[in-house]
Amino acid sequence: MTETLIAALFVFVLASFIGFEVINKVPPTLHTPLMSGANAISGIAVIGALVVSGSRDTSLSVILGLIAIVLATINVVGGFLVTDRMLQMFKKKEVKA
């Protein structure tokens, strides 16, 4: 059990570090397409968290699943708001005569 936890923690820390480094190297012009991809991934995370937290007994996995649902939903909504705001910047403005 302890070896599995240490291995999972190692993978999590490594994935977090690599993800942070990759995102920092992205130019600002690509953030909107990446945000759309992040929204899709977060949507998948919401569905996975719903499956995990749907069991009848209360355990650590159910609590973590609920936290994952909340965080992934915030990420999805925030991503859509940022994407919408960036797309609004590229709309042509009406010229009043």
N, C-alpha and C. Protein backbone atom coordinates (compact mmCIF):
# COMPACT_ATOMS: atom_id res chain seq x y z
N MET A 1 0.82 -1.20 0.00
CA MET A 1 0.00 0.00 0.00
C MET A 1 0.86 1.26 0.00
N THR A 2 1.87 1.30 0.84
CA THR A 2 2.74 2.47 0.93
C THR A 2 3.55 2.66 -0.34
N GLU A 3 4.01 1.56 -0.93
CA GLU A 3 4.78 1.66 -2.18
C GLU A 3 3.91 2.21 -3.30
N THR A 4 2.66 1.79 -3.35
CA THR A 4 1.74 2.29 -4.37
C THR A 4 1.48 3.77 -4.19
N LEU A 5 1.30 4.20 -2.94
CA LEU A 5 1.06 5.61 -2.66
C LEU A 5 2.25 6.47 -3.03
N ILE A 6 3.44 6.00 -2.72
CA ILE A 6 4.66 6.74 -3.07
C ILE A 6 4.82 6.81 -4.59
N ALA A 7 4.55 5.73 -5.28
CA ALA A 7 4.65 5.73 -6.75
C ALA A 7 3.62 6.68 -7.36
N ALA A 8 2.39 6.66 -6.84
CA ALA A 8 1.36 7.56 -7.35
C ALA A 8 1.71 9.01 -7.07
N LEU A 9 2.23 9.29 -5.90
CA LEU A 9 2.64 10.65 -5.55
C LEU A 9 3.79 11.12 -6.44
N PHE A 10 4.73 10.23 -6.72
CA PHE A 10 5.84 10.56 -7.62
C PHE A 10 5.33 10.91 -9.01
N VAL A 11 4.41 10.11 -9.54
CA VAL A 11 3.85 10.37 -10.87
C VAL A 11 3.10 11.70 -10.87
N PHE A 12 2.34 11.98 -9.82
CA PHE A 12 1.59 13.23 -9.73
C PHE A 12 2.52 14.44 -9.73
N VAL A 13 3.57 14.39 -8.91
CA VAL A 13 4.51 15.51 -8.83
C VAL A 13 5.24 15.68 -10.16
N LEU A 14 5.65 14.61 -10.76
CA LEU A 14 6.34 14.68 -12.04
C LEU A 14 5.43 15.23 -13.13
N ALA A 15 4.18 14.78 -13.18
CA ALA A 15 3.23 15.28 -14.17
C ALA A 15 2.92 16.76 -13.95
N SER A 16 2.83 17.17 -12.69
CA SER A 16 2.58 18.58 -12.39
C SER A 16 3.74 19.45 -12.86
N PHE A 17 4.96 19.01 -12.59
CA PHE A 17 6.14 19.77 -13.00
C PHE A 17 6.23 19.86 -14.52
N ILE A 18 6.05 18.75 -15.20
CA ILE A 18 6.13 18.74 -16.66
C ILE A 18 5.01 19.60 -17.27
N GLY A 19 3.80 19.48 -16.74
CA GLY A 19 2.69 20.29 -17.23
C GLY A 19 2.95 21.77 -17.06
N PHE A 20 3.49 22.17 -15.91
CA PHE A 20 3.81 23.57 -15.66
C PHE A 20 4.86 24.07 -16.64
N GLU A 21 5.89 23.29 -16.88
CA GLU A 21 6.95 23.70 -17.81
C GLU A 21 6.43 23.80 -19.24
N VAL A 22 5.58 22.86 -19.65
CA VAL A 22 5.05 22.88 -21.01
C VAL A 22 4.15 24.10 -21.22
N ILE A 23 3.28 24.40 -20.28
CA ILE A 23 2.36 25.53 -20.40
C ILE A 23 3.11 26.85 -20.39
N ASN A 24 4.19 26.95 -19.63
CA ASN A 24 4.97 28.19 -19.61
C ASN A 24 5.64 28.49 -20.94
N LYS A 25 5.89 27.48 -21.74
CA LYS A 25 6.58 27.67 -23.02
C LYS A 25 5.62 28.03 -24.16
N VAL A 26 4.33 28.06 -23.90
CA VAL A 26 3.34 28.32 -24.95
C VAL A 26 3.21 29.82 -25.17
N PRO A 27 3.31 30.28 -26.44
CA PRO A 27 3.12 31.71 -26.71
C PRO A 27 1.66 32.13 -26.45
N PRO A 28 1.44 33.40 -26.11
CA PRO A 28 0.08 33.86 -25.78
C PRO A 28 -0.94 33.67 -26.91
N THR A 29 -0.51 33.65 -28.17
CA THR A 29 -1.46 33.49 -29.27
C THR A 29 -2.10 32.10 -29.31
N LEU A 30 -1.48 31.14 -28.64
CA LEU A 30 -2.02 29.78 -28.65
C LEU A 30 -2.84 29.45 -27.41
N HIS A 31 -3.00 30.41 -26.51
CA HIS A 31 -3.71 30.10 -25.27
C HIS A 31 -5.19 29.76 -25.49
N THR A 32 -5.85 30.43 -26.46
CA THR A 32 -7.27 30.14 -26.68
C THR A 32 -7.49 28.71 -27.19
N PRO A 33 -6.74 28.24 -28.21
CA PRO A 33 -6.93 26.84 -28.60
C PRO A 33 -6.58 25.86 -27.50
N LEU A 34 -5.55 26.16 -26.71
CA LEU A 34 -5.20 25.28 -25.61
C LEU A 34 -6.27 25.29 -24.53
N MET A 35 -6.92 26.44 -24.33
CA MET A 35 -7.99 26.52 -23.33
C MET A 35 -9.15 25.62 -23.75
N SER A 36 -9.43 25.57 -25.05
CA SER A 36 -10.49 24.69 -25.52
C SER A 36 -10.14 23.22 -25.26
N GLY A 37 -8.89 22.88 -25.48
CA GLY A 37 -8.46 21.51 -25.18
C GLY A 37 -8.50 21.22 -23.70
N ALA A 38 -8.12 22.20 -22.90
CA ALA A 38 -8.18 22.02 -21.45
C ALA A 38 -9.62 21.86 -20.97
N ASN A 39 -10.54 22.58 -21.61
CA ASN A 39 -11.96 22.42 -21.26
C ASN A 39 -12.44 21.01 -21.55
N ALA A 40 -12.01 20.45 -22.67
CA ALA A 40 -12.42 19.09 -23.01
C ALA A 40 -11.85 18.09 -22.00
N ILE A 41 -10.61 18.28 -21.62
CA ILE A 41 -9.99 17.38 -20.64
C ILE A 41 -10.67 17.52 -19.28
N SER A 42 -10.99 18.77 -18.90
CA SER A 42 -11.68 18.97 -17.62
C SER A 42 -13.08 18.38 -17.64
N GLY A 43 -13.73 18.42 -18.79
CA GLY A 43 -15.05 17.79 -18.91
C GLY A 43 -14.96 16.29 -18.69
N ILE A 44 -13.91 15.68 -19.21
CA ILE A 44 -13.69 14.25 -18.99
C ILE A 44 -13.41 14.00 -17.51
N ALA A 45 -12.66 14.90 -16.88
CA ALA A 45 -12.37 14.76 -15.45
C ALA A 45 -13.64 14.87 -14.62
N VAL A 46 -14.57 15.74 -15.03
CA VAL A 46 -15.85 15.86 -14.31
C VAL A 46 -16.62 14.55 -14.39
N ILE A 47 -16.67 13.95 -15.57
CA ILE A 47 -17.40 12.68 -15.72
C ILE A 47 -16.73 11.58 -14.89
N GLY A 48 -15.40 11.51 -14.93
CA GLY A 48 -14.69 10.52 -14.12
C GLY A 48 -14.91 10.72 -12.63
N ALA A 49 -14.92 11.98 -12.20
CA ALA A 49 -15.15 12.26 -10.78
C ALA A 49 -16.58 11.92 -10.38
N LEU A 50 -17.52 12.11 -11.29
CA LEU A 50 -18.90 11.71 -10.99
C LEU A 50 -19.01 10.21 -10.79
N VAL A 51 -18.30 9.47 -11.61
CA VAL A 51 -18.32 8.01 -11.48
C VAL A 51 -17.71 7.59 -10.14
N VAL A 52 -16.59 8.21 -9.79
CA VAL A 52 -15.92 7.84 -8.54
C VAL A 52 -16.75 8.21 -7.33
N SER A 53 -17.36 9.39 -7.36
CA SER A 53 -18.08 9.85 -6.17
C SER A 53 -19.51 9.31 -6.11
N GLY A 54 -19.90 8.49 -7.06
CA GLY A 54 -21.26 7.98 -7.09
C GLY A 54 -21.52 6.76 -6.25
N SER A 55 -20.51 6.26 -5.55
CA SER A 55 -20.76 5.06 -4.75
C SER A 55 -21.59 5.40 -3.51
N ARG A 56 -22.20 4.39 -2.95
CA ARG A 56 -23.13 4.61 -1.83
C ARG A 56 -22.43 4.83 -0.50
N ASP A 57 -21.25 4.28 -0.33
CA ASP A 57 -20.57 4.44 0.94
C ASP A 57 -19.69 5.67 0.92
N THR A 58 -19.52 6.30 2.06
CA THR A 58 -18.67 7.48 2.17
C THR A 58 -17.26 7.02 2.49
N SER A 59 -16.37 7.33 1.60
CA SER A 59 -14.98 6.97 1.81
C SER A 59 -14.10 8.11 1.29
N LEU A 60 -12.82 7.92 1.39
CA LEU A 60 -11.89 8.95 0.93
C LEU A 60 -12.04 9.19 -0.57
N SER A 61 -12.29 8.14 -1.34
CA SER A 61 -12.43 8.31 -2.79
C SER A 61 -13.67 9.12 -3.14
N VAL A 62 -14.74 8.97 -2.38
CA VAL A 62 -15.95 9.76 -2.63
C VAL A 62 -15.70 11.23 -2.33
N ILE A 63 -15.01 11.50 -1.24
CA ILE A 63 -14.71 12.89 -0.87
C ILE A 63 -13.77 13.51 -1.90
N LEU A 64 -12.74 12.78 -2.30
CA LEU A 64 -11.83 13.29 -3.34
C LEU A 64 -12.54 13.46 -4.67
N GLY A 65 -13.48 12.55 -4.97
CA GLY A 65 -14.27 12.70 -6.19
C GLY A 65 -15.12 13.96 -6.18
N LEU A 66 -15.71 14.28 -5.03
CA LEU A 66 -16.50 15.50 -4.91
C LEU A 66 -15.63 16.74 -5.08
N ILE A 67 -14.46 16.72 -4.48
CA ILE A 67 -13.52 17.84 -4.65
C ILE A 67 -13.11 17.96 -6.11
N ALA A 68 -12.87 16.83 -6.77
CA ALA A 68 -12.50 16.85 -8.19
C ALA A 68 -13.62 17.41 -9.05
N ILE A 69 -14.87 17.08 -8.72
CA ILE A 69 -16.00 17.62 -9.46
C ILE A 69 -16.03 19.14 -9.35
N VAL A 70 -15.88 19.64 -8.14
CA VAL A 70 -15.94 21.09 -7.93
C VAL A 70 -14.80 21.79 -8.66
N LEU A 71 -13.59 21.30 -8.52
CA LEU A 71 -12.44 21.95 -9.15
C LEU A 71 -12.49 21.86 -10.68
N ALA A 72 -12.86 20.72 -11.21
CA ALA A 72 -12.93 20.58 -12.66
C ALA A 72 -14.06 21.43 -13.24
N THR A 73 -15.17 21.55 -12.52
CA THR A 73 -16.27 22.40 -12.99
C THR A 73 -15.85 23.87 -13.00
N ILE A 74 -15.15 24.30 -11.96
CA ILE A 74 -14.63 25.67 -11.94
C ILE A 74 -13.68 25.89 -13.11
N ASN A 75 -12.85 24.90 -13.40
CA ASN A 75 -11.91 25.01 -14.52
C ASN A 75 -12.64 25.10 -15.85
N VAL A 76 -13.68 24.30 -16.04
CA VAL A 76 -14.44 24.33 -17.29
C VAL A 76 -15.13 25.68 -17.47
N VAL A 77 -15.82 26.13 -16.44
CA VAL A 77 -16.54 27.41 -16.54
C VAL A 77 -15.57 28.56 -16.76
N GLY A 78 -14.49 28.59 -16.01
CA GLY A 78 -13.48 29.64 -16.20
C GLY A 78 -12.87 29.61 -17.58
N GLY A 79 -12.62 28.41 -18.09
CA GLY A 79 -12.06 28.29 -19.45
C GLY A 79 -13.02 28.81 -20.50
N PHE A 80 -14.30 28.50 -20.35
CA PHE A 80 -15.26 29.03 -21.31
C PHE A 80 -15.38 30.55 -21.22
N LEU A 81 -15.31 31.10 -20.02
CA LEU A 81 -15.38 32.56 -19.87
C LEU A 81 -14.17 33.24 -20.50
N VAL A 82 -12.99 32.68 -20.27
CA VAL A 82 -11.78 33.26 -20.86
C VAL A 82 -11.81 33.14 -22.38
N THR A 83 -12.22 31.98 -22.89
CA THR A 83 -12.30 31.79 -24.34
C THR A 83 -13.30 32.75 -24.95
N ASP A 84 -14.46 32.91 -24.32
CA ASP A 84 -15.47 33.83 -24.84
C ASP A 84 -14.96 35.26 -24.84
N ARG A 85 -14.28 35.65 -23.78
CA ARG A 85 -13.75 37.02 -23.72
C ARG A 85 -12.71 37.26 -24.81
N MET A 86 -11.85 36.27 -25.03
CA MET A 86 -10.84 36.44 -26.09
C MET A 86 -11.48 36.49 -27.46
N LEU A 87 -12.51 35.68 -27.69
CA LEU A 87 -13.19 35.72 -28.98
C LEU A 87 -13.92 37.04 -29.18
N GLN A 88 -14.42 37.64 -28.11
CA GLN A 88 -15.07 38.95 -28.22
C GLN A 88 -14.08 40.02 -28.65
N MET A 89 -12.83 39.85 -28.32
CA MET A 89 -11.82 40.83 -28.70
C MET A 89 -11.60 40.86 -30.21
N PHE A 90 -11.89 39.76 -30.90
CA PHE A 90 -11.64 39.69 -32.32
C PHE A 90 -12.87 40.01 -33.18
N LYS A 91 -13.99 40.29 -32.56
CA LYS A 91 -15.19 40.65 -33.32
C LYS A 91 -15.05 42.07 -33.83
N LYS A 92 -15.58 42.29 -35.01
CA LYS A 92 -15.56 43.63 -35.59
C LYS A 92 -16.55 44.50 -34.84
N LYS A 93 -16.13 45.72 -34.58
CA LYS A 93 -17.00 46.65 -33.89
C LYS A 93 -17.82 47.42 -34.91
N GLU A 94 -19.09 47.65 -34.56
CA GLU A 94 -19.97 48.38 -35.46
C GLU A 94 -19.60 49.85 -35.44
N VAL A 95 -19.58 50.44 -36.63
CA VAL A 95 -19.27 51.85 -36.74
C VAL A 95 -20.58 52.61 -36.85
N LYS A 96 -20.79 53.54 -35.92
CA LYS A 96 -22.02 54.34 -35.92
C LYS A 96 -21.80 55.55 -36.83
N ALA A 97 -22.78 55.77 -37.71
CA ALA A 97 -22.66 56.89 -38.65
C ALA A 97 -23.32 58.13 -38.13
